[in-house]
Amino acid sequence: MEYNRIVAVTGLPNLYELLTSKTDGAIVRSLEDKTSRFVSSRIHNLSHLESIEVFTTDENVNLADVFHAMKNTGDALPDTTDNKALRTYFEKVYPTMDFERVYASDLKKMVKWYEVLQKNNIEIKLTEQPEEVETEIESEEAETEIEEVPAEEVGEKEIEKEVQETKEIKKSKTKKTEAKAEKLEAKMTAEEASATEAPKKRGRKKSGE
């Protein structure tokens, strides 16, 4: 029985092992009497123990950390009906617990849950997170894709490239200039021809009169 399958069910005492999840609820088995039952999600909420956190005066800690502290002290568990004894016990076991926000009812639950886990020999162990896998590029593949070129050769190639580009630009500009000149010359020729024809027409008209 694994710790990550142990749940608390609202409205029901004790702890349960989650057997099967369903769309409308879950089937659980009691750690106390080993009976199985269906719990509806419309009536009950399930809380995995490994997802429960406890308030402290610093950052919140996982409930498993408190359980480990309880185990390491070796002290006898307090009477769950004595709120003062509960407070005294946890002040020693976990002094940084925020007792302003962790109530006597919460302390009582932690003691009872710990007893049930010990009785069922369940190891209090959180689910391990998978390690991030780093992808590496093989050096051989990288070497085949890179062509080493001497620095001097690189400089010559760059200069040759710039010269070629300059020539192409000049050539393009020359072509554009020649085209403009041809258009201007054609325009001027047309204007001169028009100016020459106009006097001839006027002269012919006068001689006819």
C-alpha atoms as a PDB file:
ATOM      1  CA  MET A   1       0.000   0.000   0.000  1.00  0.00           C
ATOM      2  CA  GLU A   2       1.556   3.268  -1.117  1.00  0.00           C
ATOM      3  CA  TYR A   3       1.364   6.588   0.697  1.00  0.00           C
ATOM      4  CA  ASN A   4       0.365   8.486  -2.464  1.00  0.00           C
ATOM      5  CA  ARG A   5      -2.896   6.487  -2.620  1.00  0.00           C
ATOM      6  CA  ILE A   6      -3.990   7.354   0.913  1.00  0.00           C
ATOM      7  CA  VAL A   7      -6.822   9.888   1.083  1.00  0.00           C
ATOM      8  CA  ALA A   8      -8.997  11.637   3.618  1.00  0.00           C
ATOM      9  CA  VAL A   9     -12.701  11.866   2.771  1.00  0.00           C
ATOM     10  CA  THR A  10     -14.785  14.790   3.996  1.00  0.00           C
ATOM     11  CA  GLY A  11     -17.685  13.706   6.162  1.00  0.00           C
ATOM     12  CA  LEU A  12     -16.115  10.318   6.922  1.00  0.00           C
ATOM     13  CA  PRO A  13     -13.737   9.379   9.746  1.00  0.00           C
ATOM     14  CA  ASN A  14     -10.414   7.589   9.350  1.00  0.00           C
ATOM     15  CA  LEU A  15      -8.245   7.277   6.250  1.00  0.00           C
ATOM     16  CA  TYR A  16      -8.859   5.407   2.995  1.00  0.00           C
ATOM     17  CA  GLU A  17      -6.941   3.830   0.172  1.00  0.00           C
ATOM     18  CA  LEU A  18      -8.036   5.066  -3.231  1.00  0.00           C
ATOM     19  CA  LEU A  19      -8.842   2.016  -5.332  1.00  0.00           C
ATOM     20  CA  THR A  20     -10.527   3.431  -8.438  1.00  0.00           C
ATOM     21  CA  SER A  21     -11.471   6.903  -9.624  1.00  0.00           C
ATOM     22  CA  LYS A  22     -14.725   7.462 -11.487  1.00  0.00           C
ATOM     23  CA  THR A  23     -16.302  10.459 -13.204  1.00  0.00           C
ATOM     24  CA  ASP A  24     -18.898  10.789 -10.436  1.00  0.00           C
ATOM     25  CA  GLY A  25     -16.765   9.709  -7.487  1.00  0.00           C
ATOM     26  CA  ALA A  26     -14.363   6.992  -6.369  1.00  0.00           C
ATOM     27  CA  ILE A  27     -14.156   3.579  -4.758  1.00  0.00           C
ATOM     28  CA  VAL A  28     -12.126   3.604  -1.533  1.00  0.00           C
ATOM     29  CA  ARG A  29     -11.158   1.086   1.121  1.00  0.00           C
ATOM     30  CA  SER A  30     -11.034   1.930   4.803  1.00  0.00           C
ATOM     31  CA  LEU A  31      -7.678   1.433   6.522  1.00  0.00           C
ATOM     32  CA  GLU A  32      -9.557   0.704   9.757  1.00  0.00           C
ATOM     33  CA  ASP A  33     -11.941  -2.135   8.886  1.00  0.00           C
ATOM     34  CA  LYS A  34     -10.798  -2.836   5.278  1.00  0.00           C
ATOM     35  CA  THR A  35     -14.309  -2.398   3.854  1.00  0.00           C
ATOM     36  CA  SER A  36     -14.733  -0.843   0.421  1.00  0.00           C
ATOM     37  CA  ARG A  37     -17.358   1.687  -0.571  1.00  0.00           C
ATOM     38  CA  PHE A  38     -18.282   4.168  -3.268  1.00  0.00           C
ATOM     39  CA  VAL A  39     -18.065   7.867  -2.356  1.00  0.00           C
ATOM     40  CA  SER A  40     -19.909  10.340  -4.549  1.00  0.00           C
ATOM     41  CA  SER A  41     -18.090  13.476  -5.661  1.00  0.00           C
ATOM     42  CA  ARG A  42     -21.360  15.382  -5.225  1.00  0.00           C
ATOM     43  CA  ILE A  43     -21.274  14.734  -1.480  1.00  0.00           C
ATOM     44  CA  HIS A  44     -17.627  14.136  -0.567  1.00  0.00           C
ATOM     45  CA  ASN A  45     -14.233  15.620  -1.366  1.00  0.00           C
ATOM     46  CA  LEU A  46     -11.083  13.521  -1.447  1.00  0.00           C
ATOM     47  CA  SER A  47      -7.738  14.913  -0.247  1.00  0.00           C
ATOM     48  CA  HIS A  48      -4.508  13.019  -0.885  1.00  0.00           C
ATOM     49  CA  LEU A  49      -2.330  13.121   2.220  1.00  0.00           C
ATOM     50  CA  GLU A  50       0.748  13.874   0.157  1.00  0.00           C
ATOM     51  CA  SER A  51      -0.889  17.076  -1.138  1.00  0.00           C
ATOM     52  CA  ILE A  52      -1.791  18.444   2.322  1.00  0.00           C
ATOM     53  CA  GLU A  53       0.324  21.285   3.716  1.00  0.00           C
ATOM     54  CA  VAL A  54       0.668  22.584   7.277  1.00  0.00           C
ATOM     55  CA  PHE A  55       0.988  26.243   8.290  1.00  0.00           C
ATOM     56  CA  THR A  56       4.245  27.310   9.957  1.00  0.00           C
ATOM     57  CA  THR A  57       5.670  30.660  10.987  1.00  0.00           C
ATOM     58  CA  ASP A  58       7.808  30.490   7.841  1.00  0.00           C
ATOM     59  CA  GLU A  59       6.797  28.706   4.626  1.00  0.00           C
ATOM     60  CA  ASN A  60       4.173  25.962   4.601  1.00  0.00           C
ATOM     61  CA  VAL A  61       5.486  22.415   4.945  1.00  0.00           C
ATOM     62  CA  ASN A  62       4.115  19.140   3.660  1.00  0.00           C
ATOM     63  CA  LEU A  63       2.208  16.999   6.128  1.00  0.00           C
ATOM     64  CA  ALA A  64       4.773  14.251   5.525  1.00  0.00           C
ATOM     65  CA  ASP A  65       7.445  16.489   7.100  1.00  0.00           C
ATOM     66  CA  VAL A  66       5.402  16.693  10.302  1.00  0.00           C
ATOM     67  CA  PHE A  67       4.900  12.910  10.299  1.00  0.00           C
ATOM     68  CA  HIS A  68       8.648  12.378   9.955  1.00  0.00           C
ATOM     69  CA  ALA A  69       9.278  14.767  12.841  1.00  0.00           C
ATOM     70  CA  MET A  70       6.769  12.829  14.975  1.00  0.00           C
ATOM     71  CA  LYS A  71       8.579   9.595  14.174  1.00  0.00           C
ATOM     72  CA  ASN A  72      12.041  11.005  14.878  1.00  0.00           C
ATOM     73  CA  THR A  73      11.168  12.345  18.346  1.00  0.00           C
ATOM     74  CA  GLY A  74      10.256   8.912  19.642  1.00  0.00           C
ATOM     75  CA  ASP A  75       7.922  10.492  22.205  1.00  0.00           C
ATOM     76  CA  ALA A  76       4.621   8.854  23.073  1.00  0.00           C
ATOM     77  CA  LEU A  77       1.660  10.263  21.194  1.00  0.00           C
ATOM     78  CA  PRO A  78      -0.581  12.583  23.228  1.00  0.00           C
ATOM     79  CA  ASP A  79      -4.156  11.977  24.275  1.00  0.00           C
ATOM     80  CA  THR A  80      -6.304  13.321  21.434  1.00  0.00           C
ATOM     81  CA  THR A  81      -8.991  14.400  23.911  1.00  0.00           C
ATOM     82  CA  ASP A  82      -6.590  16.735  25.719  1.00  0.00           C
ATOM     83  CA  ASN A  83      -6.071  19.920  23.697  1.00  0.00           C
ATOM     84  CA  LYS A  84      -3.349  21.186  26.020  1.00  0.00           C
ATOM     85  CA  ALA A  85      -1.397  17.942  25.702  1.00  0.00           C
ATOM     86  CA  LEU A  86      -1.740  18.119  21.919  1.00  0.00           C
ATOM     87  CA  ARG A  87      -0.358  21.670  21.847  1.00  0.00           C
ATOM     88  CA  THR A  88       2.536  20.802  24.150  1.00  0.00           C
ATOM     89  CA  TYR A  89       3.439  17.760  22.067  1.00  0.00           C
ATOM     90  CA  PHE A  90       3.544  19.583  18.745  1.00  0.00           C
ATOM     91  CA  GLU A  91       5.375  22.573  20.218  1.00  0.00           C
ATOM     92  CA  LYS A  92       8.175  20.128  20.948  1.00  0.00           C
ATOM     93  CA  VAL A  93       7.879  18.068  17.760  1.00  0.00           C
ATOM     94  CA  TYR A  94       7.479  20.987  15.336  1.00  0.00           C
ATOM     95  CA  PRO A  95       8.180  24.292  17.121  1.00  0.00           C
ATOM     96  CA  THR A  96       7.747  26.438  13.985  1.00  0.00           C
ATOM     97  CA  MET A  97       4.150  25.292  13.476  1.00  0.00           C
ATOM     98  CA  ASP A  98       1.773  28.260  13.357  1.00  0.00           C
ATOM     99  CA  PHE A  99      -0.625  27.449  16.193  1.00  0.00           C
ATOM    100  CA  GLU A 100      -2.697  30.519  15.414  1.00  0.00           C
ATOM    101  CA  ARG A 101      -3.833  28.874  12.177  1.00  0.00           C
ATOM    102  CA  VAL A 102      -3.398  25.180  13.024  1.00  0.00           C
ATOM    103  CA  TYR A 103      -6.285  24.385  15.357  1.00  0.00           C
ATOM    104  CA  ALA A 104      -6.678  21.676  17.994  1.00  0.00           C
ATOM    105  CA  SER A 105      -8.925  19.711  15.614  1.00  0.00           C
ATOM    106  CA  ASP A 106      -6.076  19.695  13.050  1.00  0.00           C
ATOM    107  CA  LEU A 107      -3.576  18.482  15.656  1.00  0.00           C
ATOM    108  CA  LYS A 108      -5.988  15.721  16.631  1.00  0.00           C
ATOM    109  CA  LYS A 109      -6.318  14.594  12.986  1.00  0.00           C
ATOM    110  CA  MET A 110      -2.549  14.475  12.534  1.00  0.00           C
ATOM    111  CA  VAL A 111      -2.126  12.231  15.568  1.00  0.00           C
ATOM    112  CA  LYS A 112      -4.942   9.878  14.526  1.00  0.00           C
ATOM    113  CA  TRP A 113      -3.765   9.704  10.920  1.00  0.00           C
ATOM    114  CA  TYR A 114      -0.202   8.992  12.035  1.00  0.00           C
ATOM    115  CA  GLU A 115      -1.446   6.137  14.239  1.00  0.00           C
ATOM    116  CA  VAL A 116      -3.379   4.604  11.318  1.00  0.00           C
ATOM    117  CA  LEU A 117      -0.377   4.845   8.978  1.00  0.00           C
ATOM    118  CA  GLN A 118       1.870   3.166  11.549  1.00  0.00           C
ATOM    119  CA  LYS A 119      -0.693   0.449  12.208  1.00  0.00           C
ATOM    120  CA  ASN A 120      -0.893  -0.367   8.469  1.00  0.00           C
ATOM    121  CA  ASN A 121       2.901  -0.220   8.020  1.00  0.00           C
ATOM    122  CA  ILE A 122       2.635   2.460   5.333  1.00  0.00           C
ATOM    123  CA  GLU A 123       5.900   4.161   4.509  1.00  0.00           C
ATOM    124  CA  ILE A 124       5.459   7.929   4.572  1.00  0.00           C
ATOM    125  CA  LYS A 125       7.132   8.747   1.311  1.00  0.00           C
ATOM    126  CA  LEU A 126       6.212  11.408  -1.240  1.00  0.00           C
ATOM    127  CA  THR A 127       6.013  10.575  -4.925  1.00  0.00           C
ATOM    128  CA  GLU A 128       9.338  11.240  -6.577  1.00  0.00           C
ATOM    129  CA  GLN A 129       9.287  13.832  -9.343  1.00  0.00           C
ATOM    130  CA  PRO A 130      10.884  12.713 -12.641  1.00  0.00           C
ATOM    131  CA  GLU A 131      14.267  14.283 -13.283  1.00  0.00           C
ATOM    132  CA  GLU A 132      14.601  16.691 -16.153  1.00  0.00           C
ATOM    133  CA  VAL A 133      16.164  15.082 -19.190  1.00  0.00           C
ATOM    134  CA  GLU A 134      18.844  17.180 -20.835  1.00  0.00           C
ATOM    135  CA  THR A 135      19.380  16.731 -24.544  1.00  0.00           C
ATOM    136  CA  GLU A 136      22.947  16.808 -25.754  1.00  0.00           C
ATOM    137  CA  ILE A 137      24.243  17.431 -29.256  1.00  0.00           C
ATOM    138  CA  GLU A 138      26.813  14.905 -30.321  1.00  0.00           C
ATOM    139  CA  SER A 139      30.110  16.560 -31.192  1.00  0.00           C
ATOM    140  CA  GLU A 140      30.603  14.370 -34.248  1.00  0.00           C
ATOM    141  CA  GLU A 141      27.377  15.603 -35.856  1.00  0.00           C
ATOM    142  CA  ALA A 142      28.279  19.191 -35.072  1.00  0.00           C
ATOM    143  CA  GLU A 143      31.707  18.804 -36.643  1.00  0.00           C
ATOM    144  CA  THR A 144      30.272  17.434 -39.886  1.00  0.00           C
ATOM    145  CA  GLU A 145      28.028  20.471 -40.279  1.00  0.00           C
ATOM    146  CA  ILE A 146      30.758  23.070 -39.658  1.00  0.00           C
ATOM    147  CA  GLU A 147      33.353  23.805 -42.351  1.00  0.00           C
ATOM    148  CA  GLU A 148      36.439  25.481 -40.990  1.00  0.00           C
ATOM    149  CA  VAL A 149      37.780  28.294 -43.203  1.00  0.00           C
ATOM    150  CA  PRO A 150      41.072  30.170 -42.578  1.00  0.00           C
ATOM    151  CA  ALA A 151      40.692  33.767 -41.446  1.00  0.00           C
ATOM    152  CA  GLU A 152      42.616  35.129 -44.452  1.00  0.00           C
ATOM    153  CA  GLU A 153      40.391  33.242 -46.883  1.00  0.00           C
ATOM    154  CA  VAL A 154      37.307  34.557 -45.143  1.00  0.00           C
ATOM    155  CA  GLY A 155      38.549  38.124 -45.543  1.00  0.00           C
ATOM    156  CA  GLU A 156      39.258  37.677 -49.248  1.00  0.00           C
ATOM    157  CA  LYS A 157      35.836  36.138 -49.855  1.00  0.00           C
ATOM    158  CA  GLU A 158      34.091  38.981 -48.081  1.00  0.00           C
ATOM    159  CA  ILE A 159      36.017  41.597 -50.098  1.00  0.00           C
ATOM    160  CA  GLU A 160      35.294  39.787 -53.353  1.00  0.00           C
ATOM    161  CA  LYS A 161      31.627  39.594 -52.431  1.00  0.00           C
ATOM    162  CA  GLU A 162      31.444  43.340 -51.683  1.00  0.00           C
ATOM    163  CA  VAL A 163      33.192  44.213 -54.954  1.00  0.00           C
ATOM    164  CA  GLN A 164      30.785  42.050 -56.918  1.00  0.00           C
ATOM    165  CA  GLU A 165      27.784  43.608 -55.186  1.00  0.00           C
ATOM    166  CA  THR A 166      29.137  47.097 -55.921  1.00  0.00           C
ATOM    167  CA  LYS A 167      29.568  46.241 -59.599  1.00  0.00           C
ATOM    168  CA  GLU A 168      26.007  44.937 -59.795  1.00  0.00           C
ATOM    169  CA  ILE A 169      24.666  48.104 -58.158  1.00  0.00           C
ATOM    170  CA  LYS A 170      26.604  50.331 -60.556  1.00  0.00           C
ATOM    171  CA  LYS A 171      25.486  48.257 -63.493  1.00  0.00           C
ATOM    172  CA  SER A 172      21.876  48.529 -62.363  1.00  0.00           C
ATOM    173  CA  LYS A 173      22.173  52.298 -61.912  1.00  0.00           C
ATOM    174  CA  THR A 174      23.798  52.652 -65.339  1.00  0.00           C
ATOM    175  CA  LYS A 175      20.948  50.784 -66.983  1.00  0.00           C
ATOM    176  CA  LYS A 176      18.400  52.985 -65.225  1.00  0.00           C
ATOM    177  CA  THR A 177      20.275  56.134 -66.232  1.00  0.00           C
ATOM    178  CA  GLU A 178      20.506  55.020 -69.861  1.00  0.00           C
ATOM    179  CA  ALA A 179      16.786  54.232 -69.902  1.00  0.00           C
ATOM    180  CA  LYS A 180      15.960  57.681 -68.512  1.00  0.00           C
ATOM    181  CA  ALA A 181      18.230  59.335 -71.055  1.00  0.00           C
ATOM    182  CA  GLU A 182      16.560  57.486 -73.902  1.00  0.00           C
ATOM    183  CA  LYS A 183      13.120  58.549 -72.688  1.00  0.00           C
ATOM    184  CA  LEU A 184      14.260  62.183 -72.328  1.00  0.00           C
ATOM    185  CA  GLU A 185      15.822  62.183 -75.794  1.00  0.00           C
ATOM    186  CA  ALA A 186      12.671  60.754 -77.336  1.00  0.00           C
ATOM    187  CA  LYS A 187      10.605  63.388 -75.563  1.00  0.00           C
ATOM    188  CA  MET A 188      12.816  66.215 -76.765  1.00  0.00           C
ATOM    189  CA  THR A 189      12.736  64.907 -80.348  1.00  0.00           C
ATOM    190  CA  ALA A 190       8.964  64.776 -80.235  1.00  0.00           C
ATOM    191  CA  GLU A 191       8.758  68.340 -78.912  1.00  0.00           C
ATOM    192  CA  GLU A 192      11.147  69.661 -81.618  1.00  0.00           C
ATOM    193  CA  ALA A 193       9.169  67.955 -84.350  1.00  0.00           C
ATOM    194  CA  SER A 194       5.964  69.471 -83.018  1.00  0.00           C
ATOM    195  CA  ALA A 195       7.497  72.955 -82.904  1.00  0.00           C
ATOM    196  CA  THR A 196       8.708  72.659 -86.506  1.00  0.00           C
ATOM    197  CA  GLU A 197       5.348  71.528 -87.853  1.00  0.00           C
ATOM    198  CA  ALA A 198       3.398  74.377 -86.271  1.00  0.00           C
ATOM    199  CA  PRO A 199       4.888  77.290 -88.356  1.00  0.00           C
ATOM    200  CA  LYS A 200       4.519  75.313 -91.558  1.00  0.00           C
ATOM    201  CA  LYS A 201       0.814  74.892 -90.964  1.00  0.00           C
ATOM    202  CA  ARG A 202       0.342  78.603 -90.192  1.00  0.00           C
ATOM    203  CA  GLY A 203       2.320  79.587 -93.338  1.00  0.00           C
ATOM    204  CA  ARG A 204       0.228  77.492 -95.637  1.00  0.00           C
ATOM    205  CA  LYS A 205      -2.936  78.996 -94.249  1.00  0.00           C
ATOM    206  CA  LYS A 206      -1.768  82.582 -95.012  1.00  0.00           C
ATOM    207  CA  SER A 207      -0.718  81.813 -98.597  1.00  0.00           C
ATOM    208  CA  GLY A 208      -4.083  80.349 -99.363  1.00  0.00           C
ATOM    209  CA  GLU A 209      -5.829  83.610 -98.446  1.00  0.00           C
END
